[in-house]
Amino acid sequence: MGEAKVSSRRVLLMDDEHDLAESLATLLKEGGYDVKLPESIAEASQMLDRESFDIVITDIFMQERSGYEMIDLAKRQHVEQVIAISGQGVEWEAKSRGADHFLKKPIGMKKLAKVLLKPKAS
């Protein structure tokens, strides 16, 4: 993940499990990614309206609202890559709603790195 081309990639990471989000954000930052951690889907929506992101990583099941809403928001803003994450096996639904990739929690950095470096699923 330390390649030069990675350094300019902007990531919006939405997960209501703050410890997990912070851990993933730290790992991504160490890998050269510019990571934003909104506190809510409403804040994430505002960020997507104001800023440009290459990647959105979103949990599917959150207390506030659904990660499927985040997928919809990201797709409307033409985000290059949307990665859905969940502790439950909802890969088919996440991908049918527009996620390019799905990762089941717990997420290891190796698994995340492989997806980040992979082209969009067709």
PDB file of N, CA and C in Angstrom:
ATOM      1  N   MET A   1       0.805  -1.201   0.000  1.00  0.00           N
ATOM      2  CA  MET A   1       0.000   0.000   0.000  1.00  0.00           C
ATOM      3  C   MET A   1       0.845   1.260   0.000  1.00  0.00           C
ATOM      4  N   GLY A   2       2.138   1.173   0.061  1.00  0.00           N
ATOM      5  CA  GLY A   2       2.956   2.347   0.148  1.00  0.00           C
ATOM      6  C   GLY A   2       3.331   2.928  -1.202  1.00  0.00           C
ATOM      7  N   GLU A   3       2.684   2.523  -2.282  1.00  0.00           N
ATOM      8  CA  GLU A   3       3.003   3.048  -3.605  1.00  0.00           C
ATOM      9  C   GLU A   3       2.675   4.529  -3.695  1.00  0.00           C
ATOM     10  N   ALA A   4       3.433   5.263  -4.527  1.00  0.00           N
ATOM     11  CA  ALA A   4       3.246   6.710  -4.654  1.00  0.00           C
ATOM     12  C   ALA A   4       1.847   7.072  -5.131  1.00  0.00           C
ATOM     13  N   LYS A   5       1.273   6.271  -6.033  1.00  0.00           N
ATOM     14  CA  LYS A   5      -0.044   6.610  -6.564  1.00  0.00           C
ATOM     15  C   LYS A   5      -1.136   6.559  -5.501  1.00  0.00           C
ATOM     16  N   VAL A   6      -0.896   5.821  -4.419  1.00  0.00           N
ATOM     17  CA  VAL A   6      -1.874   5.680  -3.356  1.00  0.00           C
ATOM     18  C   VAL A   6      -2.007   6.976  -2.557  1.00  0.00           C
ATOM     19  N   SER A   7      -0.941   7.733  -2.427  1.00  0.00           N
ATOM     20  CA  SER A   7      -0.904   8.868  -1.512  1.00  0.00           C
ATOM     21  C   SER A   7      -1.987   9.911  -1.758  1.00  0.00           C
ATOM     22  N   SER A   8      -2.475  10.033  -2.969  1.00  0.00           N
ATOM     23  CA  SER A   8      -3.481  11.054  -3.228  1.00  0.00           C
ATOM     24  C   SER A   8      -4.913  10.509  -3.153  1.00  0.00           C
ATOM     25  N   ARG A   9      -5.063   9.243  -2.845  1.00  0.00           N
ATOM     26  CA  ARG A   9      -6.402   8.639  -2.802  1.00  0.00           C
ATOM     27  C   ARG A   9      -7.126   9.085  -1.543  1.00  0.00           C
ATOM     28  N   ARG A  10      -8.342   9.604  -1.730  1.00  0.00           N
ATOM     29  CA  ARG A  10      -9.145  10.115  -0.617  1.00  0.00           C
ATOM     30  C   ARG A  10     -10.218   9.097  -0.251  1.00  0.00           C
ATOM     31  N   VAL A  11     -10.312   8.805   1.046  1.00  0.00           N
ATOM     32  CA  VAL A  11     -11.237   7.789   1.549  1.00  0.00           C
ATOM     33  C   VAL A  11     -12.202   8.420   2.549  1.00  0.00           C
ATOM     34  N   LEU A  12     -13.485   8.134   2.367  1.00  0.00           N
ATOM     35  CA  LEU A  12     -14.511   8.477   3.352  1.00  0.00           C
ATOM     36  C   LEU A  12     -14.889   7.168   4.026  1.00  0.00           C
ATOM     37  N   LEU A  13     -14.669   7.078   5.343  1.00  0.00           N
ATOM     38  CA  LEU A  13     -14.882   5.851   6.089  1.00  0.00           C
ATOM     39  C   LEU A  13     -16.017   6.051   7.086  1.00  0.00           C
ATOM     40  N   MET A  14     -17.119   5.311   6.893  1.00  0.00           N
ATOM     41  CA  MET A  14     -18.306   5.462   7.737  1.00  0.00           C
ATOM     42  C   MET A  14     -18.596   4.159   8.464  1.00  0.00           C
ATOM     43  N   ASP A  15     -18.447   4.185   9.796  1.00  0.00           N
ATOM     44  CA  ASP A  15     -18.784   3.036  10.625  1.00  0.00           C
ATOM     45  C   ASP A  15     -19.122   3.565  12.005  1.00  0.00           C
ATOM     46  N   ASP A  16     -20.232   3.114  12.579  1.00  0.00           N
ATOM     47  CA  ASP A  16     -20.616   3.607  13.900  1.00  0.00           C
ATOM     48  C   ASP A  16     -19.861   2.894  15.027  1.00  0.00           C
ATOM     49  N   GLU A  17     -19.066   1.886  14.688  1.00  0.00           N
ATOM     50  CA  GLU A  17     -18.159   1.276  15.665  1.00  0.00           C
ATOM     51  C   GLU A  17     -16.880   2.107  15.641  1.00  0.00           C
ATOM     52  N   HIS A  18     -16.824   3.115  16.508  1.00  0.00           N
ATOM     53  CA  HIS A  18     -15.756   4.123  16.438  1.00  0.00           C
ATOM     54  C   HIS A  18     -14.350   3.541  16.597  1.00  0.00           C
ATOM     55  N   ASP A  19     -14.188   2.536  17.456  1.00  0.00           N
ATOM     56  CA  ASP A  19     -12.858   1.941  17.626  1.00  0.00           C
ATOM     57  C   ASP A  19     -12.384   1.284  16.332  1.00  0.00           C
ATOM     58  N   LEU A  20     -13.289   0.557  15.686  1.00  0.00           N
ATOM     59  CA  LEU A  20     -12.946  -0.084  14.415  1.00  0.00           C
ATOM     60  C   LEU A  20     -12.630   0.974  13.356  1.00  0.00           C
ATOM     61  N   ALA A  21     -13.459   2.003  13.279  1.00  0.00           N
ATOM     62  CA  ALA A  21     -13.240   3.065  12.295  1.00  0.00           C
ATOM     63  C   ALA A  21     -11.892   3.742  12.520  1.00  0.00           C
ATOM     64  N   GLU A  22     -11.576   4.039  13.768  1.00  0.00           N
ATOM     65  CA  GLU A  22     -10.291   4.686  14.090  1.00  0.00           C
ATOM     66  C   GLU A  22      -9.119   3.782  13.718  1.00  0.00           C
ATOM     67  N   SER A  23      -9.229   2.497  14.014  1.00  0.00           N
ATOM     68  CA  SER A  23      -8.159   1.547  13.683  1.00  0.00           C
ATOM     69  C   SER A  23      -7.944   1.456  12.174  1.00  0.00           C
ATOM     70  N   LEU A  24      -9.051   1.321  11.434  1.00  0.00           N
ATOM     71  CA  LEU A  24      -8.940   1.259   9.972  1.00  0.00           C
ATOM     72  C   LEU A  24      -8.371   2.560   9.409  1.00  0.00           C
ATOM     73  N   ALA A  25      -8.829   3.692   9.951  1.00  0.00           N
ATOM     74  CA  ALA A  25      -8.344   4.985   9.480  1.00  0.00           C
ATOM     75  C   ALA A  25      -6.841   5.121   9.707  1.00  0.00           C
ATOM     76  N   THR A  26      -6.377   4.689  10.871  1.00  0.00           N
ATOM     77  CA  THR A  26      -4.944   4.754  11.172  1.00  0.00           C
ATOM     78  C   THR A  26      -4.149   3.910  10.185  1.00  0.00           C
ATOM     79  N   LEU A  27      -4.608   2.696   9.926  1.00  0.00           N
ATOM     80  CA  LEU A  27      -3.909   1.820   8.978  1.00  0.00           C
ATOM     81  C   LEU A  27      -3.908   2.414   7.572  1.00  0.00           C
ATOM     82  N   LEU A  28      -5.037   2.965   7.166  1.00  0.00           N
ATOM     83  CA  LEU A  28      -5.117   3.572   5.830  1.00  0.00           C
ATOM     84  C   LEU A  28      -4.198   4.785   5.728  1.00  0.00           C
ATOM     85  N   LYS A  29      -4.171   5.603   6.770  1.00  0.00           N
ATOM     86  CA  LYS A  29      -3.290   6.781   6.767  1.00  0.00           C
ATOM     87  C   LYS A  29      -1.830   6.364   6.686  1.00  0.00           C
ATOM     88  N   GLU A  30      -1.473   5.310   7.420  1.00  0.00           N
ATOM     89  CA  GLU A  30      -0.099   4.798   7.353  1.00  0.00           C
ATOM     90  C   GLU A  30       0.235   4.305   5.956  1.00  0.00           C
ATOM     91  N   GLY A  31      -0.783   3.861   5.217  1.00  0.00           N
ATOM     92  CA  GLY A  31      -0.598   3.404   3.849  1.00  0.00           C
ATOM     93  C   GLY A  31      -0.625   4.535   2.836  1.00  0.00           C
ATOM     94  N   GLY A  32      -0.751   5.774   3.301  1.00  0.00           N
ATOM     95  CA  GLY A  32      -0.691   6.918   2.400  1.00  0.00           C
ATOM     96  C   GLY A  32      -2.031   7.467   1.955  1.00  0.00           C
ATOM     97  N   TYR A  33      -3.122   6.952   2.498  1.00  0.00           N
ATOM     98  CA  TYR A  33      -4.450   7.427   2.126  1.00  0.00           C
ATOM     99  C   TYR A  33      -4.829   8.652   2.960  1.00  0.00           C
ATOM    100  N   ASP A  34      -5.607   9.525   2.376  1.00  0.00           N
ATOM    101  CA  ASP A  34      -6.181  10.680   3.072  1.00  0.00           C
ATOM    102  C   ASP A  34      -7.576  10.256   3.515  1.00  0.00           C
ATOM    103  N   VAL A  35      -7.785  10.090   4.830  1.00  0.00           N
ATOM    104  CA  VAL A  35      -9.014   9.496   5.353  1.00  0.00           C
ATOM    105  C   VAL A  35      -9.837  10.509   6.137  1.00  0.00           C
ATOM    106  N   LYS A  36     -11.132  10.533   5.873  1.00  0.00           N
ATOM    107  CA  LYS A  36     -12.080  11.348   6.629  1.00  0.00           C
ATOM    108  C   LYS A  36     -13.038  10.411   7.347  1.00  0.00           C
ATOM    109  N   LEU A  37     -13.332  10.727   8.609  1.00  0.00           N
ATOM    110  CA  LEU A  37     -14.236   9.926   9.434  1.00  0.00           C
ATOM    111  C   LEU A  37     -15.417  10.779   9.883  1.00  0.00           C
ATOM    112  N   PRO A  38     -16.498  10.781   9.139  1.00  0.00           N
ATOM    113  CA  PRO A  38     -17.663  11.543   9.581  1.00  0.00           C
ATOM    114  C   PRO A  38     -18.290  10.900  10.816  1.00  0.00           C
ATOM    115  N   GLU A  39     -18.963  11.710  11.617  1.00  0.00           N
ATOM    116  CA  GLU A  39     -19.610  11.216  12.833  1.00  0.00           C
ATOM    117  C   GLU A  39     -20.995  10.624  12.549  1.00  0.00           C
ATOM    118  N   SER A  40     -21.574  10.955  11.400  1.00  0.00           N
ATOM    119  CA  SER A  40     -22.925  10.497  11.075  1.00  0.00           C
ATOM    120  C   SER A  40     -23.085  10.418   9.561  1.00  0.00           C
ATOM    121  N   ILE A  41     -24.147   9.760   9.136  1.00  0.00           N
ATOM    122  CA  ILE A  41     -24.423   9.699   7.700  1.00  0.00           C
ATOM    123  C   ILE A  41     -24.781  11.094   7.184  1.00  0.00           C
ATOM    124  N   ALA A  42     -25.437  11.901   8.008  1.00  0.00           N
ATOM    125  CA  ALA A  42     -25.753  13.280   7.593  1.00  0.00           C
ATOM    126  C   ALA A  42     -24.469  14.059   7.322  1.00  0.00           C
ATOM    127  N   GLU A  43     -23.472  13.907   8.196  1.00  0.00           N
ATOM    128  CA  GLU A  43     -22.187  14.585   7.980  1.00  0.00           C
ATOM    129  C   GLU A  43     -21.469  14.009   6.758  1.00  0.00           C
ATOM    130  N   ALA A  44     -21.546  12.703   6.588  1.00  0.00           N
ATOM    131  CA  ALA A  44     -20.934  12.063   5.417  1.00  0.00           C
ATOM    132  C   ALA A  44     -21.559  12.600   4.132  1.00  0.00           C
ATOM    133  N   SER A  45     -22.870  12.760   4.140  1.00  0.00           N
ATOM    134  CA  SER A  45     -23.567  13.297   2.972  1.00  0.00           C
ATOM    135  C   SER A  45     -23.074  14.705   2.642  1.00  0.00           C
ATOM    136  N   GLN A  46     -22.910  15.530   3.668  1.00  0.00           N
ATOM    137  CA  GLN A  46     -22.401  16.898   3.456  1.00  0.00           C
ATOM    138  C   GLN A  46     -20.979  16.863   2.905  1.00  0.00           C
ATOM    139  N   MET A  47     -20.146  15.969   3.431  1.00  0.00           N
ATOM    140  CA  MET A  47     -18.769  15.838   2.941  1.00  0.00           C
ATOM    141  C   MET A  47     -18.761  15.428   1.464  1.00  0.00           C
ATOM    142  N   LEU A  48     -19.622  14.476   1.111  1.00  0.00           N
ATOM    143  CA  LEU A  48     -19.689  14.023  -0.279  1.00  0.00           C
ATOM    144  C   LEU A  48     -20.152  15.143  -1.212  1.00  0.00           C
ATOM    145  N   ASP A  49     -21.020  16.024  -0.707  1.00  0.00           N
ATOM    146  CA  ASP A  49     -21.478  17.158  -1.512  1.00  0.00           C
ATOM    147  C   ASP A  49     -20.377  18.200  -1.707  1.00  0.00           C
ATOM    148  N   ARG A  50     -19.539  18.392  -0.691  1.00  0.00           N
ATOM    149  CA  ARG A  50     -18.520  19.446  -0.708  1.00  0.00           C
ATOM    150  C   ARG A  50     -17.176  19.011  -1.259  1.00  0.00           C
ATOM    151  N   GLU A  51     -16.843  17.737  -1.070  1.00  0.00           N
ATOM    152  CA  GLU A  51     -15.502  17.253  -1.388  1.00  0.00           C
ATOM    153  C   GLU A  51     -15.565  16.071  -2.348  1.00  0.00           C
ATOM    154  N   SER A  52     -14.424  15.782  -2.925  1.00  0.00           N
ATOM    155  CA  SER A  52     -14.312  14.661  -3.848  1.00  0.00           C
ATOM    156  C   SER A  52     -13.590  13.504  -3.149  1.00  0.00           C
ATOM    157  N   PHE A  53     -14.158  12.303  -3.244  1.00  0.00           N
ATOM    158  CA  PHE A  53     -13.546  11.116  -2.657  1.00  0.00           C
ATOM    159  C   PHE A  53     -13.372  10.054  -3.722  1.00  0.00           C
ATOM    160  N   ASP A  54     -12.281   9.310  -3.618  1.00  0.00           N
ATOM    161  CA  ASP A  54     -12.021   8.202  -4.536  1.00  0.00           C
ATOM    162  C   ASP A  54     -12.688   6.923  -4.053  1.00  0.00           C
ATOM    163  N   ILE A  55     -12.742   6.777  -2.721  1.00  0.00           N
ATOM    164  CA  ILE A  55     -13.221   5.531  -2.122  1.00  0.00           C
ATOM    165  C   ILE A  55     -14.158   5.857  -0.957  1.00  0.00           C
ATOM    166  N   VAL A  56     -15.262   5.118  -0.870  1.00  0.00           N
ATOM    167  CA  VAL A  56     -16.113   5.161   0.311  1.00  0.00           C
ATOM    168  C   VAL A  56     -16.144   3.754   0.884  1.00  0.00           C
ATOM    169  N   ILE A  57     -15.843   3.663   2.186  1.00  0.00           N
ATOM    170  CA  ILE A  57     -15.942   2.403   2.912  1.00  0.00           C
ATOM    171  C   ILE A  57     -17.052   2.596   3.934  1.00  0.00           C
ATOM    172  N   THR A  58     -18.079   1.765   3.873  1.00  0.00           N
ATOM    173  CA  THR A  58     -19.208   1.935   4.784  1.00  0.00           C
ATOM    174  C   THR A  58     -19.658   0.626   5.400  1.00  0.00           C
ATOM    175  N   ASP A  59     -19.937   0.695   6.688  1.00  0.00           N
ATOM    176  CA  ASP A  59     -20.591  -0.415   7.361  1.00  0.00           C
ATOM    177  C   ASP A  59     -22.025  -0.462   6.818  1.00  0.00           C
ATOM    178  N   ILE A  60     -22.627  -1.618   6.836  1.00  0.00           N
ATOM    179  CA  ILE A  60     -24.007  -1.736   6.353  1.00  0.00           C
ATOM    180  C   ILE A  60     -25.004  -1.502   7.476  1.00  0.00           C
ATOM    181  N   PHE A  61     -24.794  -2.139   8.611  1.00  0.00           N
ATOM    182  CA  PHE A  61     -25.756  -2.030   9.706  1.00  0.00           C
ATOM    183  C   PHE A  61     -25.235  -1.083  10.774  1.00  0.00           C
ATOM    184  N   MET A  62     -25.825   0.108  10.824  1.00  0.00           N
ATOM    185  CA  MET A  62     -25.453   1.121  11.805  1.00  0.00           C
ATOM    186  C   MET A  62     -26.706   1.532  12.563  1.00  0.00           C
ATOM    187  N   GLN A  63     -26.518   2.067  13.751  1.00  0.00           N
ATOM    188  CA  GLN A  63     -27.665   2.449  14.573  1.00  0.00           C
ATOM    189  C   GLN A  63     -28.458   3.597  13.959  1.00  0.00           C
ATOM    190  N   GLU A  64     -27.747   4.584  13.442  1.00  0.00           N
ATOM    191  CA  GLU A  64     -28.410   5.792  12.946  1.00  0.00           C
ATOM    192  C   GLU A  64     -29.234   5.527  11.685  1.00  0.00           C
ATOM    193  N   ARG A  65     -28.590   5.021  10.669  1.00  0.00           N
ATOM    194  CA  ARG A  65     -29.232   4.754   9.390  1.00  0.00           C
ATOM    195  C   ARG A  65     -28.488   3.620   8.700  1.00  0.00           C
ATOM    196  N   SER A  66     -28.948   3.226   7.562  1.00  0.00           N
ATOM    197  CA  SER A  66     -28.384   2.084   6.850  1.00  0.00           C
ATOM    198  C   SER A  66     -27.185   2.472   5.975  1.00  0.00           C
ATOM    199  N   GLY A  67     -26.235   1.555   5.916  1.00  0.00           N
ATOM    200  CA  GLY A  67     -25.100   1.738   5.025  1.00  0.00           C
ATOM    201  C   GLY A  67     -25.505   1.702   3.559  1.00  0.00           C
ATOM    202  N   TYR A  68     -26.660   1.122   3.279  1.00  0.00           N
ATOM    203  CA  TYR A  68     -27.148   1.133   1.893  1.00  0.00           C
ATOM    204  C   TYR A  68     -27.395   2.580   1.447  1.00  0.00           C
ATOM    205  N   GLU A  69     -27.787   3.411   2.380  1.00  0.00           N
ATOM    206  CA  GLU A  69     -27.955   4.836   2.068  1.00  0.00           C
ATOM    207  C   GLU A  69     -26.609   5.462   1.694  1.00  0.00           C
ATOM    208  N   MET A  70     -25.546   5.056   2.400  1.00  0.00           N
ATOM    209  CA  MET A  70     -24.207   5.553   2.074  1.00  0.00           C
ATOM    210  C   MET A  70     -23.793   5.109   0.680  1.00  0.00           C
ATOM    211  N   ILE A  71     -24.123   3.864   0.335  1.00  0.00           N
ATOM    212  CA  ILE A  71     -23.795   3.375  -1.009  1.00  0.00           C
ATOM    213  C   ILE A  71     -24.500   4.236  -2.052  1.00  0.00           C
ATOM    214  N   ASP A  72     -25.787   4.502  -1.833  1.00  0.00           N
ATOM    215  CA  ASP A  72     -26.552   5.345  -2.759  1.00  0.00           C
ATOM    216  C   ASP A  72     -25.929   6.738  -2.888  1.00  0.00           C
ATOM    217  N   LEU A  73     -25.567   7.343  -1.759  1.00  0.00           N
ATOM    218  CA  LEU A  73     -24.954   8.677  -1.769  1.00  0.00           C
ATOM    219  C   LEU A  73     -23.639   8.667  -2.548  1.00  0.00           C
ATOM    220  N   ALA A  74     -22.817   7.649  -2.299  1.00  0.00           N
ATOM    221  CA  ALA A  74     -21.517   7.553  -2.974  1.00  0.00           C
ATOM    222  C   ALA A  74     -21.689   7.390  -4.480  1.00  0.00           C
ATOM    223  N   LYS A  75     -22.631   6.560  -4.883  1.00  0.00           N
ATOM    224  CA  LYS A  75     -22.856   6.335  -6.312  1.00  0.00           C
ATOM    225  C   LYS A  75     -23.364   7.605  -7.000  1.00  0.00           C
ATOM    226  N   ARG A  76     -24.223   8.363  -6.313  1.00  0.00           N
ATOM    227  CA  ARG A  76     -24.714   9.628  -6.895  1.00  0.00           C
ATOM    228  C   ARG A  76     -23.588  10.632  -7.086  1.00  0.00           C
ATOM    229  N   GLN A  77     -22.562  10.539  -6.254  1.00  0.00           N
ATOM    230  CA  GLN A  77     -21.422  11.459  -6.350  1.00  0.00           C
ATOM    231  C   GLN A  77     -20.296  10.882  -7.214  1.00  0.00           C
ATOM    232  N   HIS A  78     -20.553   9.782  -7.865  1.00  0.00           N
ATOM    233  CA  HIS A  78     -19.593   9.143  -8.781  1.00  0.00           C
ATOM    234  C   HIS A  78     -18.276   8.783  -8.100  1.00  0.00           C
ATOM    235  N   VAL A  79     -18.374   8.270  -6.866  1.00  0.00           N
ATOM    236  CA  VAL A  79     -17.189   7.790  -6.166  1.00  0.00           C
ATOM    237  C   VAL A  79     -16.654   6.587  -6.932  1.00  0.00           C
ATOM    238  N   GLU A  80     -15.349   6.550  -7.105  1.00  0.00           N
ATOM    239  CA  GLU A  80     -14.711   5.524  -7.919  1.00  0.00           C
ATOM    240  C   GLU A  80     -14.906   4.101  -7.384  1.00  0.00           C
ATOM    241  N   GLN A  81     -14.818   3.940  -6.062  1.00  0.00           N
ATOM    242  CA  GLN A  81     -14.882   2.598  -5.484  1.00  0.00           C
ATOM    243  C   GLN A  81     -15.657   2.655  -4.165  1.00  0.00           C
ATOM    244  N   VAL A  82     -16.655   1.778  -4.028  1.00  0.00           N
ATOM    245  CA  VAL A  82     -17.450   1.695  -2.804  1.00  0.00           C
ATOM    246  C   VAL A  82     -17.260   0.295  -2.215  1.00  0.00           C
ATOM    247  N   ILE A  83     -16.829   0.282  -0.957  1.00  0.00           N
ATOM    248  CA  ILE A  83     -16.578  -0.976  -0.260  1.00  0.00           C
ATOM    249  C   ILE A  83     -17.540  -1.065   0.922  1.00  0.00           C
ATOM    250  N   ALA A  84     -18.365  -2.089   0.916  1.00  0.00           N
ATOM    251  CA  ALA A  84     -19.302  -2.327   2.012  1.00  0.00           C
ATOM    252  C   ALA A  84     -18.661  -3.303   2.988  1.00  0.00           C
ATOM    253  N   ILE A  85     -18.870  -3.047   4.289  1.00  0.00           N
ATOM    254  CA  ILE A  85     -18.356  -3.946   5.308  1.00  0.00           C
ATOM    255  C   ILE A  85     -19.490  -4.298   6.274  1.00  0.00           C
ATOM    256  N   SER A  86     -19.451  -5.530   6.786  1.00  0.00           N
ATOM    257  CA  SER A  86     -20.483  -5.947   7.726  1.00  0.00           C
ATOM    258  C   SER A  86     -20.046  -7.219   8.426  1.00  0.00           C
ATOM    259  N   GLY A  87     -20.543  -7.401   9.630  1.00  0.00           N
ATOM    260  CA  GLY A  87     -20.322  -8.644  10.346  1.00  0.00           C
ATOM    261  C   GLY A  87     -21.286  -9.728   9.895  1.00  0.00           C
ATOM    262  N   GLN A  88     -22.250  -9.345   9.088  1.00  0.00           N
ATOM    263  CA  GLN A  88     -23.243 -10.296   8.586  1.00  0.00           C
ATOM    264  C   GLN A  88     -23.005 -10.555   7.100  1.00  0.00           C
ATOM    265  N   GLY A  89     -23.429 -11.706   6.634  1.00  0.00           N
ATOM    266  CA  GLY A  89     -23.212 -12.091   5.241  1.00  0.00           C
ATOM    267  C   GLY A  89     -24.220 -11.485   4.292  1.00  0.00           C
ATOM    268  N   VAL A  90     -24.054 -10.219   3.981  1.00  0.00           N
ATOM    269  CA  VAL A  90     -24.999  -9.525   3.101  1.00  0.00           C
ATOM    270  C   VAL A  90     -24.324  -9.080   1.798  1.00  0.00           C
ATOM    271  N   GLU A  91     -23.335  -9.858   1.363  1.00  0.00           N
ATOM    272  CA  GLU A  91     -22.560  -9.482   0.184  1.00  0.00           C
ATOM    273  C   GLU A  91     -23.437  -9.277  -1.047  1.00  0.00           C
ATOM    274  N   TRP A  92     -24.328 -10.227  -1.311  1.00  0.00           N
ATOM    275  CA  TRP A  92     -25.157 -10.134  -2.515  1.00  0.00           C
ATOM    276  C   TRP A  92     -25.973  -8.848  -2.504  1.00  0.00           C
ATOM    277  N   GLU A  93     -26.626  -8.565  -1.382  1.00  0.00           N
ATOM    278  CA  GLU A  93     -27.455  -7.363  -1.311  1.00  0.00           C
ATOM    279  C   GLU A  93     -26.613  -6.093  -1.434  1.00  0.00           C
ATOM    280  N   ALA A  94     -25.463  -6.055  -0.763  1.00  0.00           N
ATOM    281  CA  ALA A  94     -24.598  -4.871  -0.838  1.00  0.00           C
ATOM    282  C   ALA A  94     -24.157  -4.618  -2.275  1.00  0.00           C
ATOM    283  N   LYS A  95     -23.753  -5.674  -2.959  1.00  0.00           N
ATOM    284  CA  LYS A  95     -23.311  -5.516  -4.349  1.00  0.00           C
ATOM    285  C   LYS A  95     -24.483  -5.172  -5.265  1.00  0.00           C
ATOM    286  N   SER A  96     -25.648  -5.748  -5.003  1.00  0.00           N
ATOM    287  CA  SER A  96     -26.807  -5.422  -5.840  1.00  0.00           C
ATOM    288  C   SER A  96     -27.251  -3.971  -5.637  1.00  0.00           C
ATOM    289  N   ARG A  97     -26.919  -3.394  -4.485  1.00  0.00           N
ATOM    290  CA  ARG A  97     -27.248  -1.995  -4.203  1.00  0.00           C
ATOM    291  C   ARG A  97     -26.170  -1.044  -4.714  1.00  0.00           C
ATOM    292  N   GLY A  98     -25.056  -1.584  -5.247  1.00  0.00           N
ATOM    293  CA  GLY A  98     -24.052  -0.721  -5.863  1.00  0.00           C
ATOM    294  C   GLY A  98     -22.655  -0.787  -5.291  1.00  0.00           C
ATOM    295  N   ALA A  99     -22.428  -1.576  -4.241  1.00  0.00           N
ATOM    296  CA  ALA A  99     -21.071  -1.704  -3.702  1.00  0.00           C
ATOM    297  C   ALA A  99     -20.200  -2.452  -4.703  1.00  0.00           C
ATOM    298  N   ASP A 100     -18.979  -1.985  -4.861  1.00  0.00           N
ATOM    299  CA  ASP A 100     -18.040  -2.649  -5.771  1.00  0.00           C
ATOM    300  C   ASP A 100     -17.413  -3.877  -5.125  1.00  0.00           C
ATOM    301  N   HIS A 101     -17.252  -3.808  -3.804  1.00  0.00           N
ATOM    302  CA  HIS A 101     -16.636  -4.903  -3.054  1.00  0.00           C
ATOM    303  C   HIS A 101     -17.338  -5.035  -1.711  1.00  0.00           C
ATOM    304  N   PHE A 102     -17.215  -6.223  -1.111  1.00  0.00           N
ATOM    305  CA  PHE A 102     -17.781  -6.480   0.210  1.00  0.00           C
ATOM    306  C   PHE A 102     -16.738  -7.203   1.042  1.00  0.00           C
ATOM    307  N   LEU A 103     -16.566  -6.747   2.287  1.00  0.00           N
ATOM    308  CA  LEU A 103     -15.670  -7.416   3.224  1.00  0.00           C
ATOM    309  C   LEU A 103     -16.444  -7.745   4.493  1.00  0.00           C
ATOM    310  N   LYS A 104     -16.283  -8.983   4.958  1.00  0.00           N
ATOM    311  CA  LYS A 104     -16.954  -9.398   6.191  1.00  0.00           C
ATOM    312  C   LYS A 104     -16.038  -9.105   7.373  1.00  0.00           C
ATOM    313  N   LYS A 105     -16.613  -8.488   8.410  1.00  0.00           N
ATOM    314  CA  LYS A 105     -15.858  -8.211   9.631  1.00  0.00           C
ATOM    315  C   LYS A 105     -15.565  -9.516  10.352  1.00  0.00           C
ATOM    316  N   PRO A 106     -14.459  -9.621  11.051  1.00  0.00           N
ATOM    317  CA  PRO A 106     -13.424  -8.605  11.235  1.00  0.00           C
ATOM    318  C   PRO A 106     -12.576  -8.451   9.971  1.00  0.00           C
ATOM    319  N   ILE A 107     -12.137  -7.242   9.749  1.00  0.00           N
ATOM    320  CA  ILE A 107     -11.396  -6.915   8.530  1.00  0.00           C
ATOM    321  C   ILE A 107      -9.917  -6.814   8.853  1.00  0.00           C
ATOM    322  N   GLY A 108      -9.143  -7.636   8.191  1.00  0.00           N
ATOM    323  CA  GLY A 108      -7.688  -7.544   8.319  1.00  0.00           C
ATOM    324  C   GLY A 108      -7.153  -6.569   7.279  1.00  0.00           C
ATOM    325  N   MET A 109      -6.038  -5.976   7.570  1.00  0.00           N
ATOM    326  CA  MET A 109      -5.467  -4.994   6.649  1.00  0.00           C
ATOM    327  C   MET A 109      -5.059  -5.647   5.338  1.00  0.00           C
ATOM    328  N   LYS A 110      -4.608  -6.908   5.384  1.00  0.00           N
ATOM    329  CA  LYS A 110      -4.232  -7.592   4.143  1.00  0.00           C
ATOM    330  C   LYS A 110      -5.434  -7.697   3.207  1.00  0.00           C
ATOM    331  N   LYS A 111      -6.569  -8.093   3.791  1.00  0.00           N
ATOM    332  CA  LYS A 111      -7.792  -8.250   3.002  1.00  0.00           C
ATOM    333  C   LYS A 111      -8.242  -6.902   2.432  1.00  0.00           C
ATOM    334  N   LEU A 112      -8.192  -5.856   3.258  1.00  0.00           N
ATOM    335  CA  LEU A 112      -8.581  -4.524   2.802  1.00  0.00           C
ATOM    336  C   LEU A 112      -7.639  -4.022   1.720  1.00  0.00           C
ATOM    337  N   ALA A 113      -6.345  -4.221   1.910  1.00  0.00           N
ATOM    338  CA  ALA A 113      -5.356  -3.770   0.921  1.00  0.00           C
ATOM    339  C   ALA A 113      -5.586  -4.449  -0.425  1.00  0.00           C
ATOM    340  N   LYS A 114      -5.901  -5.738  -0.384  1.00  0.00           N
ATOM    341  CA  LYS A 114      -6.149  -6.482  -1.623  1.00  0.00           C
ATOM    342  C   LYS A 114      -7.330  -5.876  -2.391  1.00  0.00           C
ATOM    343  N   VAL A 115      -8.380  -5.516  -1.673  1.00  0.00           N
ATOM    344  CA  VAL A 115      -9.570  -4.923  -2.303  1.00  0.00           C
ATOM    345  C   VAL A 115      -9.270  -3.516  -2.812  1.00  0.00           C
ATOM    346  N   LEU A 116      -8.519  -2.745  -2.046  1.00  0.00           N
ATOM    347  CA  LEU A 116      -8.212  -1.368  -2.456  1.00  0.00           C
ATOM    348  C   LEU A 116      -7.365  -1.336  -3.733  1.00  0.00           C
ATOM    349  N   LEU A 117      -6.528  -2.335  -3.904  1.00  0.00           N
ATOM    350  CA  LEU A 117      -5.660  -2.360  -5.073  1.00  0.00           C
ATOM    351  C   LEU A 117      -6.289  -3.073  -6.257  1.00  0.00           C
ATOM    352  N   LYS A 118      -7.457  -3.661  -6.023  1.00  0.00           N
ATOM    353  CA  LYS A 118      -8.176  -4.412  -7.060  1.00  0.00           C
ATOM    354  C   LYS A 118      -9.047  -3.465  -7.885  1.00  0.00           C
ATOM    355  N   PRO A 119      -9.200  -3.719  -9.168  1.00  0.00           N
ATOM    356  CA  PRO A 119     -10.152  -2.925  -9.942  1.00  0.00           C
ATOM    357  C   PRO A 119     -11.575  -3.212  -9.484  1.00  0.00           C
ATOM    358  N   LYS A 120     -12.487  -2.346  -9.881  1.00  0.00           N
ATOM    359  CA  LYS A 120     -13.905  -2.527  -9.543  1.00  0.00           C
ATOM    360  C   LYS A 120     -14.388  -3.887 -10.008  1.00  0.00           C
ATOM    361  N   ALA A 121     -15.298  -4.459  -9.225  1.00  0.00           N
ATOM    362  CA  ALA A 121     -15.925  -5.719  -9.629  1.00  0.00           C
ATOM    363  C   ALA A 121     -16.831  -5.440 -10.831  1.00  0.00           C
ATOM    364  N   SER A 122     -16.878  -6.385 -11.755  1.00  0.00           N
ATOM    365  CA  SER A 122     -17.744  -6.162 -12.922  1.00  0.00           C
ATOM    366  C   SER A 122     -19.010  -6.944 -12.808  1.00  0.00           C
TER     367      SER A 122
END
